[in-house]
Amino acid sequence: MRLFKRKKFISKISAQHQDNTKDQGEQDSLSGNLDEDFNRIKQLFEGAADFGYRELKISSKYSAIILYLNGLINLERMELHVIHPLLRRNEELLQSPRPTLDQFKAILHSAQVLQEETFQAVIDQLLSGATILLINHFHKAFIISEQKWEQRSVDEPPSEAVVLGPREGFTENIRTNGSMIRRRLKTTKLKFEYMKIGNLSKTEVVITYLEGLAQPSIIEEVRRRLNSIEIDAIEDSSYILELIEDEPFSVFPQVLQTERPDRLAGCLLEGNVGVMVDNSPFALIVPVTFFQMMNSPEDYYGRFIMTTFIRLLRYLFLLIALLFPSIYIAVTTFHQELMPTNLLYTVAASREKVPFPAVVEALLMEITFEALREAGLRLPRPIGSTVSIVGALVVGQAAVEAGIVSAPLVIVVATTGIASFMFPSYPLTGAIRLLRFFMIFMAGTLGFYGILLGVFFILVHLVKLRSFGVPYFSPVAPFHFKDIKDIFIRVPWWKMNERPHETGKSNLKRVSFKNRKY
């Protein structure tokens, strides 16, 4: 794949970190000497104010040290489940000449207690918030799960407005996100595969899929692309999105981002694969098609008649958002004979005082509208919407009165802006916004011939595009007649008895209504 032919990079700080860890011997096994192992760990965390430890005697006889990072553990639970049991007098340990690790483990009251023998594994677990217990003369350390960190509550996803359906969105905690998927899909076929990406951040990444529904070839390709990532840190799932796309230079997104657990669960049921990243509320869905980007989870919660109407309206406004300004430019500049006479007189009268050609006029208005939109997003929420609306009204009215733009073009740009808000996927909205400028340029140079040529180029690009090997424009190209029932329209649930052929071919059967009369 072209993506993995690109040059991999590792920053200078990462290289220094790897050299230091190699010098420290982190890949070695624990020595069993408590002072030696503790000094090695303490040296690595020198200058880290959140590094904490507690020296103690187990049953007043065996030397041990507890290591932890403040802010990542629950101190009260550690005191109750770890320290108190270890300090309590234990007759079995006192009478045993050589206690085993299992005997020490039996003292602990924590729900999850693991053992690690390599130095690197102990460091990784400590950085992940685990409590480490080192006991003198033992070559293994106890990994005790008493993590606790601040996280926001489960709220309605701010980037995907909810009208119908569950009003909960993903959070930055990957465990919480996984539990929301598990609560929706109570089956042993739901699989979670954990890995860590980032030389410095060691960010947890989870691949989730339904065994028997997702194609093994797609799952393996997701694993391969994630394992091929070499980077210092993963701050958000968007980092991974850009690194695993088939065509990174395409304006069309080939990975679907969502904050809605119900959307991810619905895609898993269709044979897609999900990728969740710790510290990010956005999950990734692969492979994805253009028509999945156009569909909303709420399409499946409303009645199919209304949903079909909304979908057709959505595709109509897709054409408006992409082509309306360019059609206006082509008609007013090259093809005036296409307009009714009365409308032609009105447009000509409104443009009489405008000093710019239609294409320059449209570009000025579109750029101004995009600036107002971005300003509204960046401003504080209480005033952002007010500034964007009032700014658009004031600027538009002032521009018309000053004779800089014509009134019909203001209507065209405003309608186009409204149309661009109808798409469920924000990255797809960005692609349409960029292509609109391309279509304006084509219309300004060649008129309707330029528009047809631009649409042709876009369609060819969509047909050639792939998302993890799946055709991006399926089921239209290649054509699958049975999948059309959930693309431009939505048939009733009892008619959607098969999954999409491109992703669900491993198990096509989805719905069965044996007693349905129609």
Protein backbone atom coordinates (compact mmCIF):
# COMPACT_ATOMS: atom_id res chain seq x y z
CA MET A 1 0.00 0.00 0.00
CA ARG A 2 1.14 3.52 -0.78
CA LEU A 3 0.46 4.61 2.79
CA PHE A 4 3.16 2.34 4.18
CA LYS A 5 5.70 3.22 1.53
CA ARG A 6 5.96 6.63 3.06
CA LYS A 7 9.03 7.29 5.17
CA LYS A 8 8.59 6.39 8.83
CA PHE A 9 9.80 8.94 11.30
CA ILE A 10 10.91 8.92 14.94
CA SER A 11 11.80 12.20 16.60
CA LYS A 12 15.06 12.95 18.35
CA ILE A 13 13.52 12.79 21.79
CA SER A 14 12.08 9.36 21.08
CA ALA A 15 15.48 8.10 19.93
CA GLN A 16 17.10 9.48 23.06
CA HIS A 17 14.41 7.85 25.17
CA GLN A 18 14.99 4.49 23.52
CA ASP A 19 18.75 4.80 24.01
CA ASN A 20 18.30 5.66 27.68
CA THR A 21 15.93 2.78 28.30
CA LYS A 22 18.31 0.44 26.55
CA ASP A 23 21.16 1.69 28.74
CA GLN A 24 19.04 1.26 31.83
CA GLY A 25 18.36 -2.35 30.84
CA GLU A 26 14.60 -2.10 30.97
CA GLN A 27 14.19 -5.22 28.88
CA ASP A 28 15.95 -7.31 31.59
CA SER A 29 14.13 -9.40 34.13
CA LEU A 30 13.78 -8.21 37.68
CA SER A 31 16.83 -9.08 39.74
CA GLY A 32 14.97 -10.11 42.89
CA ASN A 33 17.08 -7.71 44.93
CA LEU A 34 14.58 -5.18 46.30
CA ASP A 35 17.04 -2.31 46.70
CA GLU A 36 18.53 -2.78 43.24
CA ASP A 37 15.17 -2.96 41.43
CA PHE A 38 13.77 -0.02 43.39
CA ASN A 39 16.82 2.16 42.68
CA ARG A 40 16.58 1.45 38.94
CA ILE A 41 12.92 2.49 38.89
CA LYS A 42 13.55 5.52 41.11
CA GLN A 43 16.35 6.66 38.82
CA LEU A 44 14.03 6.56 35.80
CA PHE A 45 11.44 8.70 37.60
CA GLU A 46 13.94 11.18 38.97
CA GLY A 47 12.36 14.64 38.88
CA ALA A 48 8.82 13.25 38.59
CA ALA A 49 6.94 14.82 41.49
CA ASP A 50 3.98 12.45 41.10
CA PHE A 51 6.12 9.35 41.68
CA GLY A 52 5.32 7.85 45.07
CA TYR A 53 6.38 4.79 47.05
CA ARG A 54 5.83 3.17 50.42
CA GLU A 55 8.29 0.85 52.15
CA LEU A 56 6.78 -1.73 54.48
CA LYS A 57 7.24 -5.10 56.16
CA ILE A 58 4.77 -7.82 55.26
CA SER A 59 3.71 -9.53 58.49
CA SER A 60 6.62 -7.68 60.14
CA LYS A 61 9.06 -10.01 58.40
CA TYR A 62 9.35 -9.63 54.59
CA SER A 63 10.62 -6.37 53.05
CA ALA A 64 8.50 -4.90 50.28
CA ILE A 65 7.91 -1.61 48.42
CA ILE A 66 4.72 -0.28 46.86
CA LEU A 67 5.16 2.01 43.84
CA TYR A 68 2.50 4.25 42.31
CA LEU A 69 1.87 7.54 40.51
CA ASN A 70 -0.23 10.13 42.32
CA GLY A 71 -3.33 11.13 40.41
CA LEU A 72 -3.63 7.78 38.63
CA ILE A 73 -4.61 5.60 41.60
CA ASN A 74 -7.28 5.53 44.25
CA LEU A 75 -5.30 6.07 47.46
CA GLU A 76 -8.18 5.06 49.74
CA ARG A 77 -8.69 1.76 47.95
CA MET A 78 -4.95 1.09 47.90
CA GLU A 79 -4.84 1.70 51.65
CA LEU A 80 -7.80 -0.59 52.25
CA HIS A 81 -7.11 -3.39 49.75
CA VAL A 82 -3.31 -3.49 49.65
CA ILE A 83 -1.49 -1.84 52.55
CA HIS A 84 -3.73 -2.93 55.45
CA PRO A 85 -3.83 -6.61 54.41
CA LEU A 86 -0.04 -6.66 53.94
CA LEU A 87 0.66 -5.08 57.33
CA ARG A 88 -1.76 -7.38 59.14
CA ARG A 89 -0.18 -10.34 60.97
CA ASN A 90 -0.46 -13.47 58.85
CA GLU A 91 0.31 -16.72 60.63
CA GLU A 92 0.62 -18.75 57.42
CA LEU A 93 3.40 -16.50 56.15
CA LEU A 94 5.16 -16.44 59.52
CA GLN A 95 5.18 -20.23 59.77
CA SER A 96 6.24 -20.83 56.18
CA PRO A 97 10.05 -21.05 55.73
CA ARG A 98 9.81 -20.00 52.07
CA PRO A 99 6.46 -18.42 51.12
CA THR A 100 5.32 -18.55 47.50
CA LEU A 101 3.99 -15.70 45.43
CA ASP A 102 0.55 -17.27 45.56
CA GLN A 103 0.59 -16.99 49.35
CA PHE A 104 1.36 -13.26 49.12
CA LYS A 105 -1.29 -12.85 46.43
CA ALA A 106 -3.90 -14.46 48.68
CA ILE A 107 -3.42 -11.64 51.19
CA LEU A 108 -4.35 -8.89 48.73
CA HIS A 109 -7.99 -7.86 48.50
CA SER A 110 -7.90 -6.24 45.07
CA ALA A 111 -10.09 -7.64 42.32
CA GLN A 112 -7.31 -7.90 39.74
CA VAL A 113 -3.75 -8.87 40.65
CA LEU A 114 -1.31 -9.88 37.91
CA GLN A 115 2.37 -10.80 37.88
CA GLU A 116 5.15 -9.44 35.67
CA GLU A 117 8.80 -10.43 35.59
CA THR A 118 10.31 -8.03 33.03
CA PHE A 119 11.46 -4.58 33.97
CA GLN A 120 9.84 -2.94 30.93
CA ALA A 121 6.45 -4.50 31.67
CA VAL A 122 6.58 -3.17 35.24
CA ILE A 123 7.37 0.35 34.00
CA ASP A 124 4.55 0.23 31.43
CA GLN A 125 2.03 -0.89 34.03
CA LEU A 126 3.17 1.79 36.46
CA LEU A 127 2.75 4.46 33.78
CA SER A 128 -0.74 3.11 33.05
CA GLY A 129 -1.83 3.75 36.64
CA ALA A 130 -1.30 0.35 38.21
CA THR A 131 0.11 -0.14 41.70
CA ILE A 132 3.36 -2.14 41.77
CA LEU A 133 4.31 -4.39 44.68
CA LEU A 134 7.97 -5.53 44.85
CA ILE A 135 8.95 -8.14 47.43
CA ASN A 136 12.55 -8.88 48.32
CA HIS A 137 14.08 -12.08 46.88
CA PHE A 138 11.27 -12.50 44.30
CA HIS A 139 11.89 -12.08 40.58
CA LYS A 140 8.28 -11.12 39.84
CA ALA A 141 6.29 -8.02 40.72
CA PHE A 142 2.59 -7.80 41.53
CA ILE A 143 0.53 -5.54 39.27
CA ILE A 144 -2.48 -4.35 41.27
CA SER A 145 -5.32 -2.56 39.50
CA GLU A 146 -6.41 0.33 41.69
CA GLN A 147 -6.55 3.01 38.99
CA LYS A 148 -8.62 6.13 39.30
CA TRP A 149 -8.47 9.31 37.26
CA GLU A 150 -10.77 12.19 36.56
CA GLN A 151 -13.11 11.83 33.60
CA ARG A 152 -16.17 13.61 32.33
CA SER A 153 -19.56 11.99 32.56
CA VAL A 154 -21.38 10.38 29.65
CA ASP A 155 -23.26 13.19 27.89
CA GLU A 156 -25.02 13.77 24.61
CA PRO A 157 -22.41 13.92 21.79
CA PRO A 158 -21.85 17.62 20.95
CA SER A 159 -20.68 17.00 17.36
CA GLU A 160 -23.65 14.80 16.39
CA ALA A 161 -27.00 16.25 17.38
CA VAL A 162 -29.53 13.68 18.56
CA VAL A 163 -33.23 13.96 17.69
CA LEU A 164 -34.17 10.29 18.01
CA GLY A 165 -32.24 7.51 19.68
CA PRO A 166 -29.88 7.16 22.68
CA ARG A 167 -28.55 10.43 24.06
CA GLU A 168 -25.15 9.26 25.17
CA GLY A 169 -21.77 9.75 23.58
CA PHE A 170 -18.29 8.37 23.97
CA THR A 171 -15.95 9.83 26.58
CA GLU A 172 -12.15 10.03 26.74
CA ASN A 173 -12.00 6.79 28.79
CA ILE A 174 -11.52 3.77 26.56
CA ARG A 175 -12.90 1.37 29.21
CA THR A 176 -16.11 3.37 29.49
CA ASN A 177 -16.45 3.41 25.71
CA GLY A 178 -15.95 -0.33 25.49
CA SER A 179 -18.60 -0.92 28.15
CA MET A 180 -21.14 1.12 26.15
CA ILE A 181 -20.58 -1.13 23.14
CA ARG A 182 -20.71 -4.27 25.27
CA ARG A 183 -24.01 -3.14 26.78
CA ARG A 184 -25.53 -2.91 23.30
CA LEU A 185 -24.09 -6.14 21.90
CA LYS A 186 -24.40 -8.83 24.56
CA THR A 187 -22.67 -11.57 22.64
CA THR A 188 -19.43 -13.51 22.94
CA LYS A 189 -18.80 -12.73 19.27
CA LEU A 190 -17.95 -9.13 20.19
CA LYS A 191 -14.16 -9.00 20.35
CA PHE A 192 -11.77 -6.36 21.71
CA GLU A 193 -8.09 -6.45 20.76
CA TYR A 194 -5.84 -4.10 22.74
CA MET A 195 -2.53 -2.68 21.56
CA LYS A 196 -0.33 0.29 22.42
CA ILE A 197 0.82 2.87 19.87
CA GLY A 198 3.25 5.73 20.44
CA ASN A 199 6.87 5.47 21.52
CA LEU A 200 6.34 8.04 24.28
CA SER A 201 2.58 8.11 24.90
CA LYS A 202 1.98 4.33 24.67
CA THR A 203 -1.67 5.10 23.96
CA GLU A 204 -4.10 2.24 24.27
CA VAL A 205 -5.89 1.43 21.01
CA VAL A 206 -8.69 -1.11 20.71
CA ILE A 207 -9.83 -2.95 17.59
CA THR A 208 -13.42 -4.12 17.97
CA TYR A 209 -15.48 -6.30 15.65
CA LEU A 210 -18.07 -9.07 15.61
CA GLU A 211 -16.51 -12.44 14.94
CA GLY A 212 -18.25 -14.18 12.07
CA LEU A 213 -19.60 -10.92 10.62
CA ALA A 214 -16.46 -8.89 9.90
CA GLN A 215 -14.29 -10.28 7.14
CA PRO A 216 -10.98 -11.74 8.42
CA SER A 217 -9.08 -10.02 5.60
CA ILE A 218 -10.33 -6.59 6.73
CA ILE A 219 -9.53 -7.33 10.39
CA GLU A 220 -6.02 -8.43 9.45
CA GLU A 221 -5.51 -5.31 7.31
CA VAL A 222 -6.56 -3.09 10.25
CA ARG A 223 -4.07 -4.89 12.50
CA ARG A 224 -1.30 -4.54 9.93
CA ARG A 225 -1.83 -0.82 9.41
CA LEU A 226 -2.00 -0.07 13.13
CA ASN A 227 1.10 -2.13 13.87
CA SER A 228 2.96 -0.26 11.12
CA ILE A 229 2.51 3.12 12.84
CA GLU A 230 5.72 4.60 14.25
CA ILE A 231 5.09 7.90 16.03
CA ASP A 232 6.03 9.60 19.28
CA ALA A 233 2.51 10.10 20.63
CA ILE A 234 -1.15 9.61 19.74
CA GLU A 235 -3.15 12.52 21.13
CA ASP A 236 -6.44 11.71 19.42
CA SER A 237 -7.98 9.17 17.07
CA SER A 238 -7.52 11.70 14.24
CA TYR A 239 -3.79 10.93 14.32
CA ILE A 240 -4.52 7.29 13.51
CA LEU A 241 -7.17 8.23 10.93
CA GLU A 242 -4.61 10.11 8.86
CA LEU A 243 -2.05 7.32 9.13
CA ILE A 244 -4.29 4.44 7.99
CA GLU A 245 -6.25 6.00 5.13
CA ASP A 246 -5.85 4.42 1.69
CA GLU A 247 -5.60 7.79 -0.12
CA PRO A 248 -4.38 10.47 2.30
CA PHE A 249 -4.38 13.13 -0.43
CA SER A 250 -8.06 12.69 -1.27
CA VAL A 251 -10.50 15.31 0.03
CA PHE A 252 -13.03 12.57 0.79
CA PRO A 253 -12.73 10.90 4.22
CA GLN A 254 -12.17 7.15 3.98
CA VAL A 255 -12.59 6.53 7.72
CA LEU A 256 -15.80 7.39 9.56
CA GLN A 257 -15.48 9.23 12.90
CA THR A 258 -18.32 9.08 15.41
CA GLU A 259 -19.05 10.00 19.01
CA ARG A 260 -22.18 7.84 19.11
CA PRO A 261 -21.96 4.31 20.54
CA ASP A 262 -25.17 3.32 18.76
CA ARG A 263 -23.63 4.23 15.40
CA LEU A 264 -20.53 2.15 16.07
CA ALA A 265 -22.66 -0.78 17.24
CA GLY A 266 -24.83 -0.51 14.13
CA CYS A 267 -21.79 -0.52 11.86
CA LEU A 268 -20.33 -3.56 13.68
CA LEU A 269 -23.58 -5.38 12.92
CA GLU A 270 -23.01 -4.67 9.23
CA GLY A 271 -19.53 -6.20 9.26
CA ASN A 272 -17.44 -3.07 9.81
CA VAL A 273 -14.48 -2.85 12.19
CA GLY A 274 -14.18 -0.21 14.90
CA VAL A 275 -11.05 1.42 16.33
CA MET A 276 -11.24 3.18 19.70
CA VAL A 277 -8.41 5.28 21.12
CA ASP A 278 -7.81 6.16 24.75
CA ASN A 279 -8.15 9.88 25.55
CA SER A 280 -10.36 10.42 22.49
CA PRO A 281 -14.19 10.53 22.37
CA PHE A 282 -14.17 9.76 18.63
CA ALA A 283 -14.24 6.15 17.46
CA LEU A 284 -13.14 5.18 13.94
CA ILE A 285 -15.15 2.90 11.65
CA VAL A 286 -13.59 1.06 8.68
CA PRO A 287 -14.19 0.34 5.89
CA VAL A 288 -16.63 3.07 4.99
CA THR A 289 -18.47 4.09 1.83
CA PHE A 290 -19.65 7.45 0.54
CA PHE A 291 -23.26 6.51 1.21
CA GLN A 292 -22.56 5.53 4.82
CA MET A 293 -21.24 9.05 5.30
CA MET A 294 -24.57 10.37 4.02
CA ASN A 295 -26.67 8.22 6.35
CA SER A 296 -27.50 9.13 9.94
CA PRO A 297 -28.14 6.69 12.83
CA GLU A 298 -31.52 8.39 13.28
CA ASP A 299 -32.55 7.10 9.88
CA TYR A 300 -33.16 3.74 11.56
CA TYR A 301 -35.13 5.12 14.50
CA GLY A 302 -37.82 6.98 12.54
CA ARG A 303 -40.52 5.55 10.30
CA PHE A 304 -39.18 4.46 6.94
CA ILE A 305 -41.50 6.75 4.91
CA MET A 306 -40.25 9.91 6.61
CA THR A 307 -36.68 8.64 6.56
CA THR A 308 -36.86 8.07 2.79
CA PHE A 309 -38.10 11.63 2.28
CA ILE A 310 -35.29 13.05 4.43
CA ARG A 311 -32.66 11.02 2.60
CA LEU A 312 -33.86 12.19 -0.82
CA LEU A 313 -33.86 15.75 0.50
CA ARG A 314 -30.33 15.22 1.80
CA TYR A 315 -29.05 14.13 -1.62
CA LEU A 316 -30.84 17.05 -3.29
CA PHE A 317 -29.11 19.49 -0.97
CA LEU A 318 -25.82 17.69 -1.59
CA LEU A 319 -26.11 18.79 -5.22
CA ILE A 320 -27.11 22.29 -4.11
CA ALA A 321 -24.15 22.59 -1.72
CA LEU A 322 -21.76 21.47 -4.44
CA LEU A 323 -23.17 23.03 -7.61
CA PHE A 324 -25.51 25.95 -6.84
CA PRO A 325 -22.89 28.78 -6.92
CA SER A 326 -21.20 27.31 -10.00
CA ILE A 327 -24.55 26.99 -11.84
CA TYR A 328 -25.32 30.64 -11.01
CA ILE A 329 -21.94 31.71 -12.39
CA ALA A 330 -22.31 29.63 -15.56
CA VAL A 331 -25.81 30.93 -16.28
CA THR A 332 -25.07 34.61 -15.62
CA THR A 333 -21.71 34.58 -17.44
CA PHE A 334 -22.05 32.17 -20.37
CA HIS A 335 -25.61 30.88 -20.73
CA GLN A 336 -28.01 33.77 -20.12
CA GLU A 337 -30.48 32.25 -22.61
CA LEU A 338 -31.30 29.53 -20.06
CA MET A 339 -32.96 32.02 -17.68
CA PRO A 340 -36.57 33.21 -18.10
CA THR A 341 -36.74 36.75 -19.46
CA ASN A 342 -38.17 38.32 -16.31
CA LEU A 343 -35.59 36.63 -14.13
CA LEU A 344 -32.83 37.70 -16.51
CA TYR A 345 -33.93 41.35 -16.24
CA THR A 346 -33.99 41.10 -12.43
CA VAL A 347 -30.52 39.58 -12.22
CA ALA A 348 -29.10 42.02 -14.74
CA ALA A 349 -30.55 44.99 -12.83
CA SER A 350 -29.11 43.76 -9.52
CA ARG A 351 -25.66 43.29 -11.10
CA GLU A 352 -25.64 46.65 -12.85
CA LYS A 353 -23.63 48.40 -10.11
CA VAL A 354 -21.41 45.42 -9.21
CA PRO A 355 -17.81 46.08 -10.40
CA PHE A 356 -16.68 42.43 -10.34
CA PRO A 357 -17.41 39.50 -12.64
CA ALA A 358 -19.72 36.83 -11.25
CA VAL A 359 -16.90 34.39 -10.42
CA VAL A 360 -14.98 36.98 -8.35
CA GLU A 361 -18.21 38.05 -6.68
CA ALA A 362 -19.02 34.43 -5.75
CA LEU A 363 -15.52 33.77 -4.42
CA LEU A 364 -15.66 36.87 -2.21
CA MET A 365 -18.99 35.85 -0.74
CA GLU A 366 -18.01 32.20 -0.25
CA ILE A 367 -14.74 33.08 1.47
CA THR A 368 -16.54 35.57 3.72
CA PHE A 369 -19.18 32.98 4.59
CA GLU A 370 -16.51 30.38 5.44
CA ALA A 371 -14.71 32.93 7.63
CA LEU A 372 -17.94 33.71 9.52
CA ARG A 373 -18.58 30.00 9.98
CA GLU A 374 -15.12 29.36 11.41
CA ALA A 375 -15.37 32.44 13.64
CA GLY A 376 -18.65 31.16 15.05
CA LEU A 377 -17.03 27.81 15.85
CA ARG A 378 -13.98 29.31 17.59
CA LEU A 379 -15.83 31.88 19.68
CA PRO A 380 -17.34 30.95 23.07
CA ARG A 381 -20.63 29.09 22.63
CA PRO A 382 -22.95 31.77 24.13
CA ILE A 383 -21.83 34.36 21.57
CA GLY A 384 -20.56 32.19 18.71
CA SER A 385 -23.92 31.54 17.05
CA THR A 386 -25.01 35.14 17.59
CA VAL A 387 -21.89 36.56 15.96
CA SER A 388 -22.11 34.23 12.97
CA ILE A 389 -25.80 34.98 12.31
CA VAL A 390 -25.64 38.73 12.94
CA GLY A 391 -22.35 38.98 11.08
CA ALA A 392 -23.78 37.26 8.02
CA LEU A 393 -26.84 39.52 8.00
CA VAL A 394 -24.85 42.73 8.50
CA VAL A 395 -22.10 41.87 6.03
CA GLY A 396 -24.55 40.63 3.39
CA GLN A 397 -26.82 43.66 3.65
CA ALA A 398 -23.91 46.09 3.68
CA ALA A 399 -22.28 44.40 0.67
CA VAL A 400 -25.50 44.63 -1.34
CA GLU A 401 -26.09 48.28 -0.45
CA ALA A 402 -22.48 49.15 -1.28
CA GLY A 403 -22.82 47.54 -4.69
CA ILE A 404 -20.00 45.04 -4.07
CA VAL A 405 -22.23 41.97 -4.59
CA SER A 406 -25.68 41.40 -6.02
CA ALA A 407 -28.72 40.38 -4.00
CA PRO A 408 -29.33 37.13 -5.97
CA LEU A 409 -25.81 35.93 -5.17
CA VAL A 410 -26.39 36.53 -1.46
CA ILE A 411 -29.43 34.24 -1.71
CA VAL A 412 -27.36 31.63 -3.58
CA VAL A 413 -24.53 31.67 -1.02
CA ALA A 414 -26.93 31.56 1.94
CA THR A 415 -28.86 28.60 0.46
CA THR A 416 -25.58 26.82 -0.25
CA GLY A 417 -24.42 27.38 3.33
CA ILE A 418 -27.67 25.98 4.72
CA ALA A 419 -27.41 22.96 2.41
CA SER A 420 -23.90 22.16 3.68
CA PHE A 421 -25.25 21.69 7.24
CA MET A 422 -27.50 18.78 6.23
CA PHE A 423 -24.80 16.10 6.10
CA PRO A 424 -24.44 13.79 9.15
CA SER A 425 -20.65 13.55 8.70
CA TYR A 426 -18.64 16.73 9.36
CA PRO A 427 -15.54 15.54 7.39
CA LEU A 428 -17.77 14.97 4.35
CA THR A 429 -19.09 18.52 4.78
CA GLY A 430 -15.51 19.78 4.62
CA ALA A 431 -14.90 17.85 1.39
CA ILE A 432 -17.99 19.38 -0.24
CA ARG A 433 -16.93 22.87 0.90
CA LEU A 434 -13.53 22.47 -0.74
CA LEU A 435 -14.92 21.01 -3.95
CA ARG A 436 -17.38 23.90 -4.21
CA PHE A 437 -14.46 26.27 -4.85
CA PHE A 438 -13.15 23.88 -7.51
CA MET A 439 -16.56 23.86 -9.21
CA ILE A 440 -16.75 27.69 -9.06
CA PHE A 441 -13.40 27.88 -10.85
CA MET A 442 -14.52 25.37 -13.50
CA ALA A 443 -17.80 27.25 -14.07
CA GLY A 444 -16.01 30.58 -14.28
CA THR A 445 -13.69 29.34 -17.03
CA LEU A 446 -15.83 26.96 -19.14
CA GLY A 447 -19.41 27.48 -18.02
CA PHE A 448 -21.64 24.41 -18.04
CA TYR A 449 -18.96 22.47 -19.89
CA GLY A 450 -16.65 23.11 -16.95
CA ILE A 451 -19.32 21.98 -14.49
CA LEU A 452 -19.85 18.72 -16.39
CA LEU A 453 -16.10 18.17 -16.58
CA GLY A 454 -15.70 18.83 -12.86
CA VAL A 455 -18.53 16.44 -11.95
CA PHE A 456 -16.96 13.83 -14.23
CA PHE A 457 -13.59 14.16 -12.46
CA ILE A 458 -15.26 13.86 -9.03
CA LEU A 459 -17.23 10.75 -10.02
CA VAL A 460 -14.16 9.07 -11.50
CA HIS A 461 -12.25 9.79 -8.30
CA LEU A 462 -15.07 8.38 -6.16
CA VAL A 463 -15.26 5.22 -8.25
CA LYS A 464 -11.48 4.66 -8.02
CA LEU A 465 -11.32 5.33 -4.27
CA ARG A 466 -11.01 2.45 -1.81
CA SER A 467 -11.45 2.17 1.94
CA PHE A 468 -9.52 -0.84 3.23
CA GLY A 469 -10.04 -2.53 -0.10
CA VAL A 470 -13.79 -1.85 -0.25
CA PRO A 471 -14.98 0.30 -3.19
CA TYR A 472 -15.84 3.74 -1.81
CA PHE A 473 -18.81 4.23 -4.13
CA SER A 474 -20.42 0.84 -3.55
CA PRO A 475 -23.16 -0.34 -3.92
CA VAL A 476 -23.52 1.96 -6.92
CA ALA A 477 -20.10 1.10 -8.37
CA PRO A 478 -19.83 -1.87 -8.30
CA PHE A 479 -23.60 -2.16 -8.46
CA HIS A 480 -25.49 -4.32 -5.94
CA PHE A 481 -29.21 -4.05 -6.48
CA LYS A 482 -30.21 -5.46 -3.08
CA ASP A 483 -28.11 -2.88 -1.23
CA ILE A 484 -29.85 0.06 -2.93
CA LYS A 485 -32.79 -0.40 -0.53
CA ASP A 486 -30.72 1.25 2.22
CA ILE A 487 -28.95 3.97 0.23
CA PHE A 488 -31.16 6.61 -1.36
CA ILE A 489 -34.24 5.26 0.37
CA ARG A 490 -34.86 3.13 3.44
CA VAL A 491 -37.20 0.21 3.09
CA PRO A 492 -38.96 -1.24 6.17
CA TRP A 493 -36.92 -3.39 8.52
CA TRP A 494 -38.63 -6.57 7.38
CA LYS A 495 -37.30 -5.91 3.86
CA MET A 496 -33.70 -5.29 4.97
CA ASN A 497 -33.02 -8.96 5.52
CA GLU A 498 -29.41 -8.90 4.30
CA ARG A 499 -26.29 -7.02 5.31
CA PRO A 500 -24.28 -4.95 2.79
CA HIS A 501 -22.50 -7.29 0.41
CA GLU A 502 -19.12 -5.56 0.56
CA THR A 503 -18.70 -5.76 4.36
CA GLY A 504 -21.20 -8.39 5.47
CA LYS A 505 -20.59 -11.12 2.92
CA SER A 506 -19.36 -13.45 5.68
CA ASN A 507 -22.90 -13.61 7.08
CA LEU A 508 -25.48 -11.88 4.89
CA LYS A 509 -28.63 -12.91 6.78
CA ARG A 510 -29.78 -10.19 9.17
CA VAL A 511 -33.57 -10.07 9.60
CA SER A 512 -36.20 -12.78 9.25
CA PHE A 513 -39.96 -12.19 9.47
CA LYS A 514 -41.54 -15.53 8.67
CA ASN A 515 -45.11 -14.50 9.51
CA ARG A 516 -45.06 -11.13 7.75
CA LYS A 517 -48.02 -10.84 5.38
CA TYR A 518 -46.51 -8.15 3.14
